[in-house]
Amino acid sequence: MRLATPSGFATEVFLLEAPDRELLPEGAWTLVGDRRLREAWTRAGMPEPEHALWVSVPEEEKKLRTVIPWLEHWAQIPLHRDATVVALGGGVLSDLTGLAAALFLRGIAWQVWPTTLLAMADAALGGKTAADLAAGKNLVGAFHAPRRLVACTDLLAGLPERHLQNGLWELVKTALILGEMAWAQEMLQDGPLKVAWVERALAFKAGVVHRDPREAGERRLLNLGHTLGHALEAASGYRLLHGEAVGLGLLASCLLAEEQGLKAYPPGLIEALVRRLAPLAPQIAPWADCLPLLARDKKAARASGSSIEIQCILPRPGEPAVQRALPPEAWESSHARLLALLHQESARV
């Protein structure tokens, strides 16, 4: 099924059950794929180009040094400007492949075939490609939209439960941005993933990206949960998965919104978030480890003098989320309340 996207949107979006070779590039193409997916790819009858790269890219290797050998390999083939690169894998691989495509010959076309729920719901759409620096996540990158996104739900079948839950948080994020409590509550219940959730999240993100491709305004809303989440992820030494860190960031954002005088979230939703996130409490780094990472957040800017402010996204029940410029220190009490709630829940069960 091809999803409806705004007229003129840079990426065609398809949501299918099984991979379809008809959606691969028509001309010259190569592939960068997660080596764990090679067997499933060929078993589905999908072709493997002669110069494909089958790689393993853990979160800690989301670095510029990882893509240099890929670029050298493409130059040796040689890959020309009319060729297309296909990315087959999760969010880290998709981000790096898109960045490599943006760099090679000053930009060649690429497609993304996301194979994790996290990548389908977030990383694969929008053209934000990136690598991490020692100072923080996604600090080097480029806007380079894929020509086509093909999400195949059959490729989720082998995902461990932890990784399905990891991706679910990006879907919950969408519901909280929209202020849709019923949808958020539905996704926080124990039950199977619904393809309709993915479809709705992709359609929403496509609209936002089309209206604000360079993240100058509305697109910042998609960072809900990511401000403190990125700091928690890095401070954990990446023991927290990205989506897990975003989930923690979502709960902290709800708490911060209340502290900032916005309408408090219904206790039932907070309780549902706490119940889901409680097992992650041991991975939450102390505040002193998070603060320096928040100060180096790519959304941080100098306000006046030496003070720093971050464009923080605050959710509101029943209403769309809002942006508010706040100092990094504003998150301290939310971090403390987050820890307290999760430890209380862990002790209770």
C-alpha atoms as a PDB file:
ATOM      1  CA  MET A   1       0.000   0.000   0.000  1.00  0.00           C
ATOM      2  CA  ARG A   2       1.329   3.424  -0.895  1.00  0.00           C
ATOM      3  CA  LEU A   3       0.634   5.928   1.837  1.00  0.00           C
ATOM      4  CA  ALA A   4      -0.856   9.289   0.981  1.00  0.00           C
ATOM      5  CA  THR A   5       1.720  12.047   1.433  1.00  0.00           C
ATOM      6  CA  PRO A   6       1.567  15.787   0.709  1.00  0.00           C
ATOM      7  CA  SER A   7       1.840  16.810  -2.929  1.00  0.00           C
ATOM      8  CA  GLY A   8       5.474  17.315  -3.832  1.00  0.00           C
ATOM      9  CA  PHE A   9       6.787  15.367  -0.822  1.00  0.00           C
ATOM     10  CA  ALA A  10      10.353  14.180  -1.472  1.00  0.00           C
ATOM     11  CA  THR A  11       9.808  10.549  -0.392  1.00  0.00           C
ATOM     12  CA  GLU A  12       7.386   7.920  -1.682  1.00  0.00           C
ATOM     13  CA  VAL A  13       6.151   5.890   1.291  1.00  0.00           C
ATOM     14  CA  PHE A  14       5.027   2.275   1.068  1.00  0.00           C
ATOM     15  CA  LEU A  15       3.765   0.064   3.894  1.00  0.00           C
ATOM     16  CA  LEU A  16       3.686  -3.619   2.918  1.00  0.00           C
ATOM     17  CA  GLU A  17       3.665  -7.058   4.489  1.00  0.00           C
ATOM     18  CA  ALA A  18       6.444  -8.633   2.392  1.00  0.00           C
ATOM     19  CA  PRO A  19       9.321  -7.077   0.398  1.00  0.00           C
ATOM     20  CA  ASP A  20       8.500  -6.339  -3.244  1.00  0.00           C
ATOM     21  CA  ARG A  21      11.379  -6.272  -5.729  1.00  0.00           C
ATOM     22  CA  GLU A  22       9.354  -3.990  -8.001  1.00  0.00           C
ATOM     23  CA  LEU A  23       9.986  -1.166  -5.540  1.00  0.00           C
ATOM     24  CA  LEU A  24      13.776  -1.396  -5.826  1.00  0.00           C
ATOM     25  CA  PRO A  25      15.546   1.217  -8.003  1.00  0.00           C
ATOM     26  CA  GLU A  26      15.076   0.791 -11.736  1.00  0.00           C
ATOM     27  CA  GLY A  27      18.605   1.815 -12.701  1.00  0.00           C
ATOM     28  CA  ALA A  28      22.017   1.068 -11.199  1.00  0.00           C
ATOM     29  CA  TRP A  29      21.913   0.466  -7.468  1.00  0.00           C
ATOM     30  CA  THR A  30      23.813  -1.010  -4.571  1.00  0.00           C
ATOM     31  CA  LEU A  31      22.880  -1.999  -1.054  1.00  0.00           C
ATOM     32  CA  VAL A  32      24.060  -1.479   2.513  1.00  0.00           C
ATOM     33  CA  GLY A  33      22.320  -4.071   4.657  1.00  0.00           C
ATOM     34  CA  ASP A  34      22.379  -5.455   8.164  1.00  0.00           C
ATOM     35  CA  ARG A  35      24.162  -8.780   7.809  1.00  0.00           C
ATOM     36  CA  ARG A  36      21.613 -10.432  10.113  1.00  0.00           C
ATOM     37  CA  LEU A  37      18.968  -9.786   7.456  1.00  0.00           C
ATOM     38  CA  ARG A  38      20.817 -11.258   4.491  1.00  0.00           C
ATOM     39  CA  GLU A  39      19.148 -14.658   4.726  1.00  0.00           C
ATOM     40  CA  ALA A  40      15.647 -13.189   5.159  1.00  0.00           C
ATOM     41  CA  TRP A  41      16.252 -10.840   2.209  1.00  0.00           C
ATOM     42  CA  THR A  42      17.268 -13.618  -0.168  1.00  0.00           C
ATOM     43  CA  ARG A  43      14.593 -15.985   1.180  1.00  0.00           C
ATOM     44  CA  ALA A  44      12.013 -13.358   0.214  1.00  0.00           C
ATOM     45  CA  GLY A  45      13.292 -13.569  -3.365  1.00  0.00           C
ATOM     46  CA  MET A  46      14.984 -10.176  -3.263  1.00  0.00           C
ATOM     47  CA  PRO A  47      18.050  -9.591  -5.464  1.00  0.00           C
ATOM     48  CA  GLU A  48      21.489  -8.901  -4.056  1.00  0.00           C
ATOM     49  CA  PRO A  49      23.626  -6.536  -6.142  1.00  0.00           C
ATOM     50  CA  GLU A  50      27.166  -7.636  -6.839  1.00  0.00           C
ATOM     51  CA  HIS A  51      28.806  -4.961  -4.714  1.00  0.00           C
ATOM     52  CA  ALA A  52      26.429  -5.070  -1.731  1.00  0.00           C
ATOM     53  CA  LEU A  53      27.837  -4.328   1.721  1.00  0.00           C
ATOM     54  CA  TRP A  54      26.506  -6.511   4.545  1.00  0.00           C
ATOM     55  CA  VAL A  55      27.553  -4.869   7.787  1.00  0.00           C
ATOM     56  CA  SER A  56      26.968  -4.763  11.521  1.00  0.00           C
ATOM     57  CA  VAL A  57      26.636  -1.308  13.040  1.00  0.00           C
ATOM     58  CA  PRO A  58      25.942  -1.187  16.784  1.00  0.00           C
ATOM     59  CA  GLU A  59      24.843   2.082  18.351  1.00  0.00           C
ATOM     60  CA  GLU A  60      28.340   2.865  19.634  1.00  0.00           C
ATOM     61  CA  GLU A  61      29.671   2.737  16.046  1.00  0.00           C
ATOM     62  CA  LYS A  62      27.356   5.452  14.739  1.00  0.00           C
ATOM     63  CA  LYS A  63      30.475   7.418  13.820  1.00  0.00           C
ATOM     64  CA  LEU A  64      31.969   9.045  10.750  1.00  0.00           C
ATOM     65  CA  ARG A  65      34.759   6.453  10.783  1.00  0.00           C
ATOM     66  CA  THR A  66      32.171   3.755  10.037  1.00  0.00           C
ATOM     67  CA  VAL A  67      31.107   5.238   6.694  1.00  0.00           C
ATOM     68  CA  ILE A  68      34.577   6.008   5.304  1.00  0.00           C
ATOM     69  CA  PRO A  69      35.145   2.398   4.102  1.00  0.00           C
ATOM     70  CA  TRP A  70      31.707   2.453   2.465  1.00  0.00           C
ATOM     71  CA  LEU A  71      32.595   5.601   0.547  1.00  0.00           C
ATOM     72  CA  GLU A  72      35.920   4.112  -0.542  1.00  0.00           C
ATOM     73  CA  HIS A  73      34.113   0.953  -1.669  1.00  0.00           C
ATOM     74  CA  TRP A  74      31.623   2.943  -3.766  1.00  0.00           C
ATOM     75  CA  ALA A  75      34.468   4.884  -5.356  1.00  0.00           C
ATOM     76  CA  GLN A  76      36.199   1.641  -6.309  1.00  0.00           C
ATOM     77  CA  ILE A  77      33.132   0.065  -7.953  1.00  0.00           C
ATOM     78  CA  PRO A  78      32.797   2.865  -9.217  1.00  0.00           C
ATOM     79  CA  LEU A  79      29.339   4.120  -8.281  1.00  0.00           C
ATOM     80  CA  HIS A  80      28.159   6.988 -10.466  1.00  0.00           C
ATOM     81  CA  ARG A  81      25.852   9.905  -9.785  1.00  0.00           C
ATOM     82  CA  ASP A  82      22.868   8.224 -11.413  1.00  0.00           C
ATOM     83  CA  ALA A  83      23.064   5.236  -9.031  1.00  0.00           C
ATOM     84  CA  THR A  84      20.899   4.654  -5.949  1.00  0.00           C
ATOM     85  CA  VAL A  85      21.904   3.232  -2.582  1.00  0.00           C
ATOM     86  CA  VAL A  86      19.404   1.045  -0.728  1.00  0.00           C
ATOM     87  CA  ALA A  87      19.620   0.966   3.086  1.00  0.00           C
ATOM     88  CA  LEU A  88      18.249  -2.231   4.668  1.00  0.00           C
ATOM     89  CA  GLY A  89      18.298  -2.187   8.443  1.00  0.00           C
ATOM     90  CA  GLY A  90      17.490  -0.285  11.597  1.00  0.00           C
ATOM     91  CA  GLY A  91      17.813   3.350  12.519  1.00  0.00           C
ATOM     92  CA  VAL A  92      21.587   3.468  12.995  1.00  0.00           C
ATOM     93  CA  LEU A  93      22.266   1.845   9.639  1.00  0.00           C
ATOM     94  CA  SER A  94      19.645   4.030   7.929  1.00  0.00           C
ATOM     95  CA  ASP A  95      21.083   7.228   9.406  1.00  0.00           C
ATOM     96  CA  LEU A  96      24.638   6.343   8.377  1.00  0.00           C
ATOM     97  CA  THR A  97      23.709   5.125   4.902  1.00  0.00           C
ATOM     98  CA  GLY A  98      21.745   8.302   4.246  1.00  0.00           C
ATOM     99  CA  LEU A  99      24.681  10.373   5.470  1.00  0.00           C
ATOM    100  CA  ALA A 100      27.090   8.442   3.229  1.00  0.00           C
ATOM    101  CA  ALA A 101      24.752   8.948   0.256  1.00  0.00           C
ATOM    102  CA  ALA A 102      24.654  12.686   1.023  1.00  0.00           C
ATOM    103  CA  LEU A 103      28.457  12.851   1.088  1.00  0.00           C
ATOM    104  CA  PHE A 104      29.300  10.672  -1.908  1.00  0.00           C
ATOM    105  CA  LEU A 105      29.744  12.747  -5.088  1.00  0.00           C
ATOM    106  CA  ARG A 106      28.054  15.570  -3.126  1.00  0.00           C
ATOM    107  CA  GLY A 107      24.840  13.581  -2.983  1.00  0.00           C
ATOM    108  CA  ILE A 108      23.394  10.521  -4.684  1.00  0.00           C
ATOM    109  CA  ALA A 109      19.894   9.072  -4.439  1.00  0.00           C
ATOM    110  CA  TRP A 110      18.981   6.526  -1.788  1.00  0.00           C
ATOM    111  CA  GLN A 111      16.093   4.400  -0.629  1.00  0.00           C
ATOM    112  CA  VAL A 112      15.435   3.209   2.910  1.00  0.00           C
ATOM    113  CA  TRP A 113      13.913  -0.166   3.785  1.00  0.00           C
ATOM    114  CA  PRO A 114      13.603   0.032   7.587  1.00  0.00           C
ATOM    115  CA  THR A 115      13.587  -3.309   9.393  1.00  0.00           C
ATOM    116  CA  THR A 116      12.896  -2.246  12.987  1.00  0.00           C
ATOM    117  CA  LEU A 117       9.790  -0.630  14.377  1.00  0.00           C
ATOM    118  CA  LEU A 118      11.920   2.245  15.654  1.00  0.00           C
ATOM    119  CA  ALA A 119      13.269   2.950  12.168  1.00  0.00           C
ATOM    120  CA  MET A 120       9.831   2.649  10.564  1.00  0.00           C
ATOM    121  CA  ALA A 121       8.267   5.052  13.042  1.00  0.00           C
ATOM    122  CA  ASP A 122      11.076   7.584  13.221  1.00  0.00           C
ATOM    123  CA  ALA A 123      14.547   7.338  11.689  1.00  0.00           C
ATOM    124  CA  ALA A 124      13.593   6.300   8.157  1.00  0.00           C
ATOM    125  CA  LEU A 125      11.400   9.285   7.253  1.00  0.00           C
ATOM    126  CA  GLY A 126      12.370  12.922   7.095  1.00  0.00           C
ATOM    127  CA  GLY A 127      15.822  12.992   5.556  1.00  0.00           C
ATOM    128  CA  LYS A 128      17.719  13.714   8.781  1.00  0.00           C
ATOM    129  CA  THR A 129      20.911  11.691   8.422  1.00  0.00           C
ATOM    130  CA  ALA A 130      23.572  11.787  11.106  1.00  0.00           C
ATOM    131  CA  ALA A 131      26.509  10.378  13.013  1.00  0.00           C
ATOM    132  CA  ASP A 132      27.496  10.898  16.633  1.00  0.00           C
ATOM    133  CA  LEU A 133      30.488  12.782  18.018  1.00  0.00           C
ATOM    134  CA  ALA A 134      32.143  12.266  21.385  1.00  0.00           C
ATOM    135  CA  ALA A 135      30.324  15.410  22.573  1.00  0.00           C
ATOM    136  CA  GLY A 136      26.858  14.041  21.830  1.00  0.00           C
ATOM    137  CA  LYS A 137      24.378  12.316  19.540  1.00  0.00           C
ATOM    138  CA  ASN A 138      23.696  13.298  15.927  1.00  0.00           C
ATOM    139  CA  LEU A 139      25.974  16.346  16.004  1.00  0.00           C
ATOM    140  CA  VAL A 140      27.194  15.831  12.436  1.00  0.00           C
ATOM    141  CA  GLY A 141      24.826  15.156   9.564  1.00  0.00           C
ATOM    142  CA  ALA A 142      22.888  16.410   6.570  1.00  0.00           C
ATOM    143  CA  PHE A 143      19.318  16.768   5.369  1.00  0.00           C
ATOM    144  CA  HIS A 144      19.105  14.248   2.514  1.00  0.00           C
ATOM    145  CA  ALA A 145      15.660  12.766   1.951  1.00  0.00           C
ATOM    146  CA  PRO A 146      15.364   9.211   0.580  1.00  0.00           C
ATOM    147  CA  ARG A 147      13.525   8.889  -2.714  1.00  0.00           C
ATOM    148  CA  ARG A 148      11.493   5.973  -1.359  1.00  0.00           C
ATOM    149  CA  LEU A 149      10.686   4.391   1.997  1.00  0.00           C
ATOM    150  CA  VAL A 150       9.480   0.779   1.982  1.00  0.00           C
ATOM    151  CA  ALA A 151       8.379  -0.574   5.366  1.00  0.00           C
ATOM    152  CA  CYS A 152       7.741  -4.342   5.328  1.00  0.00           C
ATOM    153  CA  THR A 153       6.059  -5.648   8.461  1.00  0.00           C
ATOM    154  CA  ASP A 154       7.189  -9.238   7.770  1.00  0.00           C
ATOM    155  CA  LEU A 155      10.744  -8.086   8.507  1.00  0.00           C
ATOM    156  CA  LEU A 156       9.666  -7.302  12.083  1.00  0.00           C
ATOM    157  CA  ALA A 157       8.818 -10.950  12.753  1.00  0.00           C
ATOM    158  CA  GLY A 158      12.249 -11.874  14.069  1.00  0.00           C
ATOM    159  CA  LEU A 159      12.678  -8.833  16.303  1.00  0.00           C
ATOM    160  CA  PRO A 160      13.151  -9.523  20.016  1.00  0.00           C
ATOM    161  CA  GLU A 161      10.311  -8.228  22.184  1.00  0.00           C
ATOM    162  CA  ARG A 162      12.611  -5.591  23.681  1.00  0.00           C
ATOM    163  CA  HIS A 163      13.186  -4.097  20.235  1.00  0.00           C
ATOM    164  CA  LEU A 164       9.469  -4.022  19.441  1.00  0.00           C
ATOM    165  CA  GLN A 165       8.878  -2.174  22.711  1.00  0.00           C
ATOM    166  CA  ASN A 166      11.788   0.092  21.803  1.00  0.00           C
ATOM    167  CA  GLY A 167      10.039   1.212  18.627  1.00  0.00           C
ATOM    168  CA  LEU A 168       6.663   1.563  20.302  1.00  0.00           C
ATOM    169  CA  TRP A 169       7.852   4.666  22.154  1.00  0.00           C
ATOM    170  CA  GLU A 170       8.162   6.634  18.912  1.00  0.00           C
ATOM    171  CA  LEU A 171       4.511   5.810  18.193  1.00  0.00           C
ATOM    172  CA  VAL A 172       3.480   6.878  21.701  1.00  0.00           C
ATOM    173  CA  LYS A 173       5.449  10.083  21.084  1.00  0.00           C
ATOM    174  CA  THR A 174       3.233  10.865  18.095  1.00  0.00           C
ATOM    175  CA  ALA A 175       0.082  10.456  20.173  1.00  0.00           C
ATOM    176  CA  LEU A 176       1.448  12.771  22.868  1.00  0.00           C
ATOM    177  CA  ILE A 177       2.475  15.417  20.313  1.00  0.00           C
ATOM    178  CA  LEU A 178      -1.119  15.412  19.092  1.00  0.00           C
ATOM    179  CA  GLY A 179      -2.489  15.337  22.640  1.00  0.00           C
ATOM    180  CA  GLU A 180      -4.509  12.209  21.841  1.00  0.00           C
ATOM    181  CA  MET A 181      -4.826  10.461  25.187  1.00  0.00           C
ATOM    182  CA  ALA A 182      -7.018   7.596  23.988  1.00  0.00           C
ATOM    183  CA  TRP A 183      -4.503   6.597  21.313  1.00  0.00           C
ATOM    184  CA  ALA A 184      -1.611   6.797  23.777  1.00  0.00           C
ATOM    185  CA  GLN A 185      -3.497   4.690  26.327  1.00  0.00           C
ATOM    186  CA  GLU A 186      -4.334   2.111  23.660  1.00  0.00           C
ATOM    187  CA  MET A 187      -0.685   1.680  22.720  1.00  0.00           C
ATOM    188  CA  LEU A 188       0.421   1.435  26.355  1.00  0.00           C
ATOM    189  CA  GLN A 189      -1.831  -1.559  26.977  1.00  0.00           C
ATOM    190  CA  ASP A 190      -0.370  -5.025  26.627  1.00  0.00           C
ATOM    191  CA  GLY A 191      -1.249  -6.278  23.171  1.00  0.00           C
ATOM    192  CA  PRO A 192       0.001  -6.800  19.627  1.00  0.00           C
ATOM    193  CA  LEU A 193       1.330  -4.039  17.420  1.00  0.00           C
ATOM    194  CA  LYS A 194      -1.234  -2.611  15.006  1.00  0.00           C
ATOM    195  CA  VAL A 195      -0.080  -1.674  11.519  1.00  0.00           C
ATOM    196  CA  ALA A 196      -2.580   1.194  11.610  1.00  0.00           C
ATOM    197  CA  TRP A 197      -0.469   2.814  14.348  1.00  0.00           C
ATOM    198  CA  VAL A 198       2.595   2.808  12.094  1.00  0.00           C
ATOM    199  CA  GLU A 199       0.573   4.125   9.155  1.00  0.00           C
ATOM    200  CA  ARG A 200      -0.825   6.985  11.216  1.00  0.00           C
ATOM    201  CA  ALA A 201       2.567   7.945  12.661  1.00  0.00           C
ATOM    202  CA  LEU A 202       4.201   7.944   9.209  1.00  0.00           C
ATOM    203  CA  ALA A 203       1.413  10.059   7.713  1.00  0.00           C
ATOM    204  CA  PHE A 204       1.668  12.581  10.552  1.00  0.00           C
ATOM    205  CA  LYS A 205       5.447  12.848  10.286  1.00  0.00           C
ATOM    206  CA  ALA A 206       5.299  13.229   6.495  1.00  0.00           C
ATOM    207  CA  GLY A 207       2.989  16.210   6.882  1.00  0.00           C
ATOM    208  CA  VAL A 208       5.194  17.879   9.485  1.00  0.00           C
ATOM    209  CA  VAL A 209       8.394  17.294   7.498  1.00  0.00           C
ATOM    210  CA  HIS A 210       6.812  18.640   4.318  1.00  0.00           C
ATOM    211  CA  ARG A 211       5.761  21.860   6.037  1.00  0.00           C
ATOM    212  CA  ASP A 212       9.084  22.310   7.858  1.00  0.00           C
ATOM    213  CA  PRO A 213      11.830  20.310   6.110  1.00  0.00           C
ATOM    214  CA  ARG A 214      14.750  22.035   7.883  1.00  0.00           C
ATOM    215  CA  GLU A 215      13.373  21.939  11.427  1.00  0.00           C
ATOM    216  CA  ALA A 216      12.918  25.689  11.719  1.00  0.00           C
ATOM    217  CA  GLY A 217       9.651  25.507  13.650  1.00  0.00           C
ATOM    218  CA  GLU A 218       6.911  22.860  13.677  1.00  0.00           C
ATOM    219  CA  ARG A 219       9.289  19.968  13.034  1.00  0.00           C
ATOM    220  CA  ARG A 220      10.905  20.551  16.414  1.00  0.00           C
ATOM    221  CA  LEU A 221       7.766  18.996  17.906  1.00  0.00           C
ATOM    222  CA  LEU A 222       9.094  15.631  16.713  1.00  0.00           C
ATOM    223  CA  ASN A 223      11.848  16.001  19.325  1.00  0.00           C
ATOM    224  CA  LEU A 224       9.357  15.363  22.134  1.00  0.00           C
ATOM    225  CA  GLY A 225      11.046  13.014  24.601  1.00  0.00           C
ATOM    226  CA  HIS A 226      14.421  13.358  22.900  1.00  0.00           C
ATOM    227  CA  THR A 227      15.945  16.248  24.866  1.00  0.00           C
ATOM    228  CA  LEU A 228      16.432  14.434  28.157  1.00  0.00           C
ATOM    229  CA  GLY A 229      16.150  11.111  26.303  1.00  0.00           C
ATOM    230  CA  HIS A 230      19.336  11.663  24.278  1.00  0.00           C
ATOM    231  CA  ALA A 231      21.213  12.632  27.443  1.00  0.00           C
ATOM    232  CA  LEU A 232      19.980   9.525  29.282  1.00  0.00           C
ATOM    233  CA  GLU A 233      20.903   7.324  26.330  1.00  0.00           C
ATOM    234  CA  ALA A 234      24.462   8.643  26.075  1.00  0.00           C
ATOM    235  CA  ALA A 235      24.989   8.755  29.850  1.00  0.00           C
ATOM    236  CA  SER A 236      23.964   5.087  30.109  1.00  0.00           C
ATOM    237  CA  GLY A 237      26.835   4.146  27.810  1.00  0.00           C
ATOM    238  CA  TYR A 238      24.109   3.155  25.323  1.00  0.00           C
ATOM    239  CA  ARG A 239      22.892   0.361  27.564  1.00  0.00           C
ATOM    240  CA  LEU A 240      19.539   2.058  27.074  1.00  0.00           C
ATOM    241  CA  LEU A 241      18.177   1.590  23.577  1.00  0.00           C
ATOM    242  CA  HIS A 242      17.205   4.795  21.790  1.00  0.00           C
ATOM    243  CA  GLY A 243      13.465   4.195  22.027  1.00  0.00           C
ATOM    244  CA  GLU A 244      13.725   3.260  25.710  1.00  0.00           C
ATOM    245  CA  ALA A 245      15.519   6.541  26.388  1.00  0.00           C
ATOM    246  CA  VAL A 246      12.826   8.408  24.437  1.00  0.00           C
ATOM    247  CA  GLY A 247      10.162   6.681  26.547  1.00  0.00           C
ATOM    248  CA  LEU A 248      11.867   7.924  29.703  1.00  0.00           C
ATOM    249  CA  GLY A 249      12.116  11.347  28.103  1.00  0.00           C
ATOM    250  CA  LEU A 250       8.383  11.313  27.340  1.00  0.00           C
ATOM    251  CA  LEU A 251       7.490  10.672  30.964  1.00  0.00           C
ATOM    252  CA  ALA A 252       9.943  13.370  32.099  1.00  0.00           C
ATOM    253  CA  SER A 253       8.403  15.783  29.565  1.00  0.00           C
ATOM    254  CA  CYS A 254       4.928  15.175  31.006  1.00  0.00           C
ATOM    255  CA  LEU A 255       6.293  15.950  34.475  1.00  0.00           C
ATOM    256  CA  LEU A 256       8.158  19.047  33.250  1.00  0.00           C
ATOM    257  CA  ALA A 257       5.052  20.343  31.481  1.00  0.00           C
ATOM    258  CA  GLU A 258       3.146  20.204  34.761  1.00  0.00           C
ATOM    259  CA  GLU A 259       6.012  21.991  36.550  1.00  0.00           C
ATOM    260  CA  GLN A 260       5.861  24.697  33.864  1.00  0.00           C
ATOM    261  CA  GLY A 261       2.230  25.390  34.691  1.00  0.00           C
ATOM    262  CA  LEU A 262       0.606  23.422  31.889  1.00  0.00           C
ATOM    263  CA  LYS A 263      -2.321  21.096  32.457  1.00  0.00           C
ATOM    264  CA  ALA A 264      -1.377  17.989  34.422  1.00  0.00           C
ATOM    265  CA  TYR A 265      -1.644  14.593  32.779  1.00  0.00           C
ATOM    266  CA  PRO A 266      -4.364  12.198  33.956  1.00  0.00           C
ATOM    267  CA  PRO A 267      -2.983   9.874  36.670  1.00  0.00           C
ATOM    268  CA  GLY A 268      -3.984   6.856  34.585  1.00  0.00           C
ATOM    269  CA  LEU A 269      -1.670   7.796  31.743  1.00  0.00           C
ATOM    270  CA  ILE A 270       1.238   8.613  34.063  1.00  0.00           C
ATOM    271  CA  GLU A 271       0.700   5.263  35.794  1.00  0.00           C
ATOM    272  CA  ALA A 272       0.706   3.445  32.434  1.00  0.00           C
ATOM    273  CA  LEU A 273       3.976   5.140  31.452  1.00  0.00           C
ATOM    274  CA  VAL A 274       5.548   4.358  34.818  1.00  0.00           C
ATOM    275  CA  ARG A 275       4.488   0.712  34.681  1.00  0.00           C
ATOM    276  CA  ARG A 276       6.061   0.255  31.249  1.00  0.00           C
ATOM    277  CA  LEU A 277       9.259   2.124  32.085  1.00  0.00           C
ATOM    278  CA  ALA A 278       9.953   0.874  35.626  1.00  0.00           C
ATOM    279  CA  PRO A 279      12.331  -1.943  34.505  1.00  0.00           C
ATOM    280  CA  LEU A 280      14.636   0.716  33.025  1.00  0.00           C
ATOM    281  CA  ALA A 281      15.229   2.501  36.343  1.00  0.00           C
ATOM    282  CA  PRO A 282      18.654   0.866  36.970  1.00  0.00           C
ATOM    283  CA  GLN A 283      19.940   2.296  33.670  1.00  0.00           C
ATOM    284  CA  ILE A 284      19.095   5.920  34.479  1.00  0.00           C
ATOM    285  CA  ALA A 285      22.270   7.916  34.991  1.00  0.00           C
ATOM    286  CA  PRO A 286      22.513  10.469  37.816  1.00  0.00           C
ATOM    287  CA  TRP A 287      21.655  14.083  37.055  1.00  0.00           C
ATOM    288  CA  ALA A 288      25.290  15.184  37.243  1.00  0.00           C
ATOM    289  CA  ASP A 289      26.065  12.935  34.259  1.00  0.00           C
ATOM    290  CA  CYS A 290      23.108  14.195  32.229  1.00  0.00           C
ATOM    291  CA  LEU A 291      23.518  17.961  32.656  1.00  0.00           C
ATOM    292  CA  PRO A 292      26.702  18.349  30.540  1.00  0.00           C
ATOM    293  CA  LEU A 293      25.088  16.345  27.739  1.00  0.00           C
ATOM    294  CA  LEU A 294      21.978  18.528  27.824  1.00  0.00           C
ATOM    295  CA  ALA A 295      24.132  21.649  27.600  1.00  0.00           C
ATOM    296  CA  ARG A 296      25.692  20.283  24.385  1.00  0.00           C
ATOM    297  CA  ASP A 297      22.351  19.267  22.857  1.00  0.00           C
ATOM    298  CA  LYS A 298      22.169  20.272  19.181  1.00  0.00           C
ATOM    299  CA  LYS A 299      18.971  22.215  19.942  1.00  0.00           C
ATOM    300  CA  ALA A 300      20.749  24.307  22.586  1.00  0.00           C
ATOM    301  CA  ALA A 301      21.540  27.963  21.900  1.00  0.00           C
ATOM    302  CA  ARG A 302      22.988  30.927  23.761  1.00  0.00           C
ATOM    303  CA  ALA A 303      20.200  33.081  25.153  1.00  0.00           C
ATOM    304  CA  SER A 304      21.984  36.038  26.743  1.00  0.00           C
ATOM    305  CA  GLY A 305      25.490  36.292  28.066  1.00  0.00           C
ATOM    306  CA  SER A 306      26.695  32.797  28.901  1.00  0.00           C
ATOM    307  CA  SER A 307      23.261  31.272  29.577  1.00  0.00           C
ATOM    308  CA  ILE A 308      22.038  28.381  27.414  1.00  0.00           C
ATOM    309  CA  GLU A 309      18.479  27.539  26.443  1.00  0.00           C
ATOM    310  CA  ILE A 310      17.036  24.484  24.716  1.00  0.00           C
ATOM    311  CA  GLN A 311      13.864  24.409  22.642  1.00  0.00           C
ATOM    312  CA  CYS A 312      11.957  21.905  24.793  1.00  0.00           C
ATOM    313  CA  ILE A 313       8.756  20.224  23.668  1.00  0.00           C
ATOM    314  CA  LEU A 314       6.060  20.019  26.325  1.00  0.00           C
ATOM    315  CA  PRO A 315       3.016  17.757  25.816  1.00  0.00           C
ATOM    316  CA  ARG A 316      -0.497  18.733  26.822  1.00  0.00           C
ATOM    317  CA  PRO A 317      -3.404  16.316  27.394  1.00  0.00           C
ATOM    318  CA  GLY A 318      -6.115  16.884  24.813  1.00  0.00           C
ATOM    319  CA  GLU A 319      -4.125  19.563  22.969  1.00  0.00           C
ATOM    320  CA  PRO A 320      -1.077  19.674  20.675  1.00  0.00           C
ATOM    321  CA  ALA A 321       2.345  19.901  22.302  1.00  0.00           C
ATOM    322  CA  VAL A 322       4.034  23.299  22.590  1.00  0.00           C
ATOM    323  CA  GLN A 323       7.616  24.554  22.406  1.00  0.00           C
ATOM    324  CA  ARG A 324       9.272  26.421  25.243  1.00  0.00           C
ATOM    325  CA  ALA A 325      12.859  27.682  25.548  1.00  0.00           C
ATOM    326  CA  LEU A 326      14.251  26.483  28.885  1.00  0.00           C
ATOM    327  CA  PRO A 327      17.682  26.187  30.465  1.00  0.00           C
ATOM    328  CA  PRO A 328      19.132  22.659  30.786  1.00  0.00           C
ATOM    329  CA  GLU A 329      18.763  22.929  34.585  1.00  0.00           C
ATOM    330  CA  ALA A 330      14.969  22.999  34.187  1.00  0.00           C
ATOM    331  CA  TRP A 331      15.054  19.231  33.725  1.00  0.00           C
ATOM    332  CA  GLU A 332      16.638  18.486  37.115  1.00  0.00           C
ATOM    333  CA  SER A 333      13.452  18.133  39.156  1.00  0.00           C
ATOM    334  CA  SER A 334      11.768  16.130  36.379  1.00  0.00           C
ATOM    335  CA  HIS A 335      14.763  13.775  36.344  1.00  0.00           C
ATOM    336  CA  ALA A 336      14.432  13.357  40.130  1.00  0.00           C
ATOM    337  CA  ARG A 337      10.663  12.741  39.942  1.00  0.00           C
ATOM    338  CA  LEU A 338      11.193  10.282  37.089  1.00  0.00           C
ATOM    339  CA  LEU A 339      13.604   8.242  39.197  1.00  0.00           C
ATOM    340  CA  ALA A 340      11.359   8.370  42.256  1.00  0.00           C
ATOM    341  CA  LEU A 341       8.265   7.193  40.371  1.00  0.00           C
ATOM    342  CA  LEU A 342      10.075   4.331  38.670  1.00  0.00           C
ATOM    343  CA  HIS A 343      11.742   3.131  41.880  1.00  0.00           C
ATOM    344  CA  GLN A 344       8.403   3.268  43.692  1.00  0.00           C
ATOM    345  CA  GLU A 345       6.826   1.144  40.972  1.00  0.00           C
ATOM    346  CA  SER A 346       9.726  -1.346  41.038  1.00  0.00           C
ATOM    347  CA  ALA A 347       9.407  -1.686  44.823  1.00  0.00           C
ATOM    348  CA  ARG A 348       5.644  -2.151  44.567  1.00  0.00           C
ATOM    349  CA  VAL A 349       5.864  -5.066  42.138  1.00  0.00           C
END
